[in-house]
Amino acid sequence: MSTPIGMKRTTPQLPLKRKTPLKAKKVINKMSDKQRARSTVLSKIPPPDDGRCENCHELPDFRGLQKHHKIFRSHNGSDDRDNIIWVCGKCHGIFHGIKEV
């Protein structure tokens, strides 16, 4: 099919549709004040001085030490030092029911 001389061949342009509005993206990336406060509280809990797991008392493997809530936050556990222990990756997996291969 040929185009007459002087006429441009064009394809119809469809408007681009965004999956999420711009305003929604800004809200998703922002941290709430409650999350920010929780993050600062948890970051102030120091790891044990000897660097060992508070459960099995062994040096951690490649996963390092991780914070674990004794009473889960989903069960109304707090972020206090009394409710958080530093455990190795192996113990943390056991606490959450993850079996290692």
N, C-alpha and C. Protein backbone atom coordinates (compact mmCIF):
# COMPACT_ATOMS: atom_id res chain seq x y z
N MET A 1 0.85 -1.16 0.00
CA MET A 1 0.00 0.00 0.00
C MET A 1 0.90 1.23 0.00
N SER A 2 0.67 2.11 -0.89
CA SER A 2 1.52 3.28 -1.00
C SER A 2 0.81 4.51 -0.45
N THR A 3 1.63 5.48 -0.03
CA THR A 3 1.11 6.73 0.53
C THR A 3 1.20 7.80 -0.56
N PRO A 4 0.14 8.60 -0.73
CA PRO A 4 0.22 9.67 -1.73
C PRO A 4 1.37 10.63 -1.41
N ILE A 5 1.93 11.26 -2.43
CA ILE A 5 3.06 12.16 -2.27
C ILE A 5 2.64 13.34 -1.39
N GLY A 6 3.52 13.68 -0.40
CA GLY A 6 3.24 14.80 0.48
C GLY A 6 2.49 14.40 1.75
N MET A 7 2.02 13.17 1.84
CA MET A 7 1.31 12.71 3.04
C MET A 7 2.27 11.85 3.88
N LYS A 8 2.24 12.04 5.16
CA LYS A 8 3.09 11.23 6.04
C LYS A 8 2.32 10.00 6.47
N ARG A 9 3.07 8.94 6.61
CA ARG A 9 2.48 7.71 7.12
C ARG A 9 2.53 7.75 8.63
N THR A 10 1.42 7.64 9.27
CA THR A 10 1.39 7.69 10.73
C THR A 10 0.63 6.51 11.28
N THR A 11 1.00 6.14 12.46
CA THR A 11 0.25 5.10 13.16
C THR A 11 -0.48 5.77 14.31
N PRO A 12 -1.67 5.31 14.59
CA PRO A 12 -2.41 5.95 15.68
C PRO A 12 -1.69 5.77 17.02
N GLN A 13 -1.61 6.83 17.80
CA GLN A 13 -0.95 6.79 19.11
C GLN A 13 -2.01 6.59 20.19
N LEU A 14 -1.81 5.57 20.97
CA LEU A 14 -2.72 5.33 22.08
C LEU A 14 -2.16 6.01 23.33
N PRO A 15 -3.01 6.55 24.18
CA PRO A 15 -2.50 7.16 25.41
C PRO A 15 -1.87 6.10 26.32
N LEU A 16 -0.75 6.44 26.94
CA LEU A 16 -0.09 5.51 27.85
C LEU A 16 -0.87 5.44 29.16
N LYS A 17 -1.03 4.24 29.64
CA LYS A 17 -1.74 4.06 30.91
C LYS A 17 -0.74 3.66 31.98
N ARG A 18 -0.82 4.29 33.12
CA ARG A 18 0.05 3.94 34.26
C ARG A 18 -0.63 2.85 35.07
N LYS A 19 0.19 1.96 35.61
CA LYS A 19 -0.37 0.92 36.47
C LYS A 19 -0.80 1.50 37.80
N THR A 20 -0.01 2.42 38.32
CA THR A 20 -0.39 3.09 39.56
C THR A 20 -0.26 4.59 39.36
N PRO A 21 -1.14 5.34 39.95
CA PRO A 21 -1.03 6.79 39.82
C PRO A 21 0.24 7.30 40.49
N LEU A 22 0.72 8.45 40.08
CA LEU A 22 1.95 9.01 40.64
C LEU A 22 1.82 9.25 42.14
N LYS A 23 0.68 9.70 42.59
CA LYS A 23 0.49 9.97 44.01
C LYS A 23 0.64 8.69 44.83
N ALA A 24 0.15 7.58 44.32
CA ALA A 24 0.24 6.32 45.05
C ALA A 24 1.69 5.88 45.21
N LYS A 25 2.52 6.11 44.18
CA LYS A 25 3.92 5.70 44.28
C LYS A 25 4.64 6.46 45.37
N LYS A 26 4.34 7.74 45.52
CA LYS A 26 5.00 8.53 46.55
C LYS A 26 4.64 8.02 47.93
N VAL A 27 3.40 7.61 48.12
CA VAL A 27 2.96 7.13 49.42
C VAL A 27 3.59 5.78 49.74
N ILE A 28 3.74 4.92 48.73
CA ILE A 28 4.30 3.60 48.94
C ILE A 28 5.74 3.69 49.44
N ASN A 29 6.52 4.62 48.91
CA ASN A 29 7.93 4.72 49.25
C ASN A 29 8.18 5.41 50.59
N LYS A 30 7.18 6.08 51.14
CA LYS A 30 7.38 6.78 52.40
C LYS A 30 7.21 5.84 53.57
N MET A 31 8.03 6.03 54.57
CA MET A 31 7.94 5.26 55.79
C MET A 31 7.06 6.03 56.77
N SER A 32 6.14 5.34 57.41
CA SER A 32 5.27 6.03 58.35
C SER A 32 6.06 6.40 59.61
N ASP A 33 5.53 7.34 60.37
CA ASP A 33 6.20 7.75 61.61
C ASP A 33 6.30 6.59 62.58
N LYS A 34 5.29 5.74 62.60
CA LYS A 34 5.30 4.58 63.49
C LYS A 34 6.42 3.61 63.09
N GLN A 35 6.58 3.36 61.78
CA GLN A 35 7.65 2.48 61.30
C GLN A 35 9.02 3.07 61.59
N ARG A 36 9.15 4.38 61.41
CA ARG A 36 10.43 5.04 61.66
C ARG A 36 10.81 4.95 63.13
N ALA A 37 9.84 5.16 64.02
CA ALA A 37 10.10 5.09 65.45
C ALA A 37 10.50 3.67 65.84
N ARG A 38 9.82 2.67 65.28
CA ARG A 38 10.12 1.28 65.59
C ARG A 38 11.53 0.93 65.10
N SER A 39 11.89 1.43 63.94
CA SER A 39 13.20 1.15 63.38
C SER A 39 14.31 1.73 64.26
N THR A 40 14.11 2.94 64.77
CA THR A 40 15.14 3.54 65.62
C THR A 40 15.24 2.82 66.96
N VAL A 41 14.12 2.35 67.49
CA VAL A 41 14.15 1.61 68.76
C VAL A 41 14.92 0.31 68.57
N LEU A 42 14.63 -0.42 67.49
CA LEU A 42 15.30 -1.70 67.25
C LEU A 42 16.78 -1.53 66.95
N SER A 43 17.15 -0.43 66.31
CA SER A 43 18.56 -0.24 65.97
C SER A 43 19.40 0.08 67.20
N LYS A 44 18.78 0.49 68.29
CA LYS A 44 19.52 0.83 69.51
C LYS A 44 19.81 -0.39 70.38
N ILE A 45 19.27 -1.55 70.03
CA ILE A 45 19.52 -2.76 70.82
C ILE A 45 20.84 -3.36 70.35
N PRO A 46 21.86 -3.33 71.20
CA PRO A 46 23.19 -3.80 70.77
C PRO A 46 23.27 -5.33 70.77
N PRO A 47 24.10 -5.89 69.91
CA PRO A 47 24.31 -7.34 69.92
C PRO A 47 25.13 -7.74 71.15
N PRO A 48 25.16 -9.01 71.47
CA PRO A 48 25.95 -9.45 72.63
C PRO A 48 27.43 -9.12 72.46
N ASP A 49 28.10 -8.85 73.58
CA ASP A 49 29.51 -8.47 73.55
C ASP A 49 30.41 -9.56 72.99
N ASP A 50 30.09 -10.83 73.30
CA ASP A 50 30.95 -11.93 72.84
C ASP A 50 30.64 -12.34 71.39
N GLY A 51 29.56 -11.79 70.80
CA GLY A 51 29.22 -12.10 69.41
C GLY A 51 28.63 -13.48 69.22
N ARG A 52 28.13 -14.08 70.28
CA ARG A 52 27.57 -15.43 70.21
C ARG A 52 26.05 -15.39 70.27
N CYS A 53 25.45 -16.45 69.75
CA CYS A 53 24.00 -16.61 69.77
C CYS A 53 23.52 -16.71 71.21
N GLU A 54 22.43 -16.01 71.55
CA GLU A 54 21.90 -16.05 72.91
C GLU A 54 21.09 -17.31 73.17
N ASN A 55 20.89 -18.14 72.15
CA ASN A 55 20.15 -19.37 72.33
C ASN A 55 21.09 -20.57 72.46
N CYS A 56 21.95 -20.78 71.46
CA CYS A 56 22.85 -21.95 71.48
C CYS A 56 24.26 -21.60 71.94
N HIS A 57 24.57 -20.33 72.10
CA HIS A 57 25.86 -19.84 72.58
C HIS A 57 27.03 -20.21 71.67
N GLU A 58 26.75 -20.38 70.38
CA GLU A 58 27.80 -20.66 69.41
C GLU A 58 28.02 -19.43 68.53
N LEU A 59 29.17 -19.38 67.87
CA LEU A 59 29.43 -18.30 66.92
C LEU A 59 28.51 -18.46 65.72
N PRO A 60 28.02 -17.35 65.16
CA PRO A 60 27.09 -17.46 64.03
C PRO A 60 27.77 -17.93 62.75
N ASP A 61 26.97 -18.49 61.86
CA ASP A 61 27.47 -18.92 60.55
C ASP A 61 27.47 -17.72 59.60
N PHE A 62 27.45 -17.95 58.31
CA PHE A 62 27.53 -16.88 57.32
C PHE A 62 26.34 -15.92 57.39
N ARG A 63 25.24 -16.32 58.01
CA ARG A 63 24.06 -15.45 58.10
C ARG A 63 24.19 -14.40 59.19
N GLY A 64 25.13 -14.58 60.10
CA GLY A 64 25.35 -13.61 61.16
C GLY A 64 24.28 -13.69 62.24
N LEU A 65 24.29 -12.71 63.14
CA LEU A 65 23.29 -12.65 64.20
C LEU A 65 22.07 -11.87 63.72
N GLN A 66 20.90 -12.30 64.17
CA GLN A 66 19.65 -11.67 63.78
C GLN A 66 18.81 -11.43 65.02
N LYS A 67 18.02 -10.35 65.00
CA LYS A 67 17.12 -10.06 66.12
C LYS A 67 15.88 -10.92 66.00
N HIS A 68 15.45 -11.48 67.12
CA HIS A 68 14.26 -12.32 67.14
C HIS A 68 13.37 -11.91 68.31
N HIS A 69 12.08 -11.73 68.04
CA HIS A 69 11.12 -11.42 69.10
C HIS A 69 10.70 -12.71 69.78
N LYS A 70 10.84 -12.79 71.09
CA LYS A 70 10.39 -13.97 71.83
C LYS A 70 8.88 -14.11 71.67
N ILE A 71 8.16 -13.02 71.92
CA ILE A 71 6.72 -12.98 71.66
C ILE A 71 6.57 -12.18 70.38
N PHE A 72 6.07 -12.82 69.34
CA PHE A 72 5.97 -12.17 68.03
C PHE A 72 5.16 -10.88 68.12
N ARG A 73 5.49 -9.93 67.27
CA ARG A 73 4.74 -8.67 67.22
C ARG A 73 3.29 -8.91 66.83
N SER A 74 3.06 -9.95 66.00
CA SER A 74 1.70 -10.28 65.60
C SER A 74 0.87 -10.80 66.77
N HIS A 75 1.56 -11.21 67.85
CA HIS A 75 0.88 -11.65 69.08
C HIS A 75 1.02 -10.59 70.17
N ASN A 76 1.10 -9.34 69.75
CA ASN A 76 1.21 -8.18 70.65
C ASN A 76 2.51 -8.15 71.45
N GLY A 77 3.58 -8.68 70.88
CA GLY A 77 4.89 -8.58 71.50
C GLY A 77 5.46 -7.19 71.31
N SER A 78 6.27 -6.76 72.25
CA SER A 78 6.82 -5.40 72.19
C SER A 78 8.21 -5.41 71.55
N ASP A 79 8.75 -4.22 71.33
CA ASP A 79 10.10 -4.06 70.80
C ASP A 79 11.10 -3.78 71.91
N ASP A 80 10.76 -4.09 73.15
CA ASP A 80 11.66 -3.87 74.28
C ASP A 80 12.80 -4.87 74.26
N ARG A 81 13.88 -4.51 74.93
CA ARG A 81 15.05 -5.39 75.01
C ARG A 81 14.70 -6.73 75.67
N ASP A 82 13.73 -6.71 76.58
CA ASP A 82 13.34 -7.95 77.28
C ASP A 82 12.70 -8.96 76.33
N ASN A 83 12.13 -8.48 75.24
CA ASN A 83 11.42 -9.36 74.31
C ASN A 83 12.26 -9.73 73.09
N ILE A 84 13.45 -9.16 72.96
CA ILE A 84 14.27 -9.42 71.77
C ILE A 84 15.57 -10.12 72.17
N ILE A 85 15.90 -11.16 71.41
CA ILE A 85 17.17 -11.85 71.60
C ILE A 85 17.92 -11.88 70.27
N TRP A 86 19.24 -11.93 70.36
CA TRP A 86 20.09 -12.05 69.18
C TRP A 86 20.39 -13.52 68.99
N VAL A 87 20.02 -14.06 67.84
CA VAL A 87 20.23 -15.49 67.57
C VAL A 87 20.96 -15.66 66.24
N CYS A 88 21.59 -16.82 66.09
CA CYS A 88 22.25 -17.13 64.82
C CYS A 88 21.19 -17.52 63.79
N GLY A 89 21.57 -17.58 62.53
CA GLY A 89 20.63 -17.89 61.46
C GLY A 89 19.99 -19.26 61.63
N LYS A 90 20.75 -20.23 62.14
CA LYS A 90 20.23 -21.58 62.32
C LYS A 90 19.12 -21.59 63.37
N CYS A 91 19.37 -20.95 64.52
CA CYS A 91 18.35 -20.89 65.58
C CYS A 91 17.14 -20.08 65.13
N HIS A 92 17.38 -19.01 64.40
CA HIS A 92 16.27 -18.18 63.93
C HIS A 92 15.37 -18.98 63.00
N GLY A 93 15.97 -19.80 62.14
CA GLY A 93 15.18 -20.65 61.27
C GLY A 93 14.37 -21.67 62.05
N ILE A 94 14.98 -22.23 63.09
CA ILE A 94 14.27 -23.21 63.93
C ILE A 94 13.08 -22.55 64.64
N PHE A 95 13.29 -21.33 65.16
CA PHE A 95 12.21 -20.63 65.84
C PHE A 95 11.00 -20.40 64.92
N HIS A 96 11.29 -20.17 63.64
CA HIS A 96 10.22 -19.88 62.68
C HIS A 96 9.79 -21.12 61.91
N GLY A 97 10.27 -22.28 62.29
CA GLY A 97 9.83 -23.53 61.68
C GLY A 97 10.40 -23.79 60.30
N ILE A 98 11.59 -23.25 60.01
CA ILE A 98 12.22 -23.48 58.71
C ILE A 98 13.23 -24.60 58.86
N LYS A 99 13.05 -25.66 58.11
CA LYS A 99 13.97 -26.80 58.20
C LYS A 99 15.11 -26.61 57.22
N GLU A 100 16.31 -26.88 57.67
CA GLU A 100 17.48 -26.78 56.80
C GLU A 100 17.71 -28.11 56.10
N VAL A 101 18.26 -28.02 54.91
CA VAL A 101 18.52 -29.24 54.13
C VAL A 101 19.91 -29.73 54.39
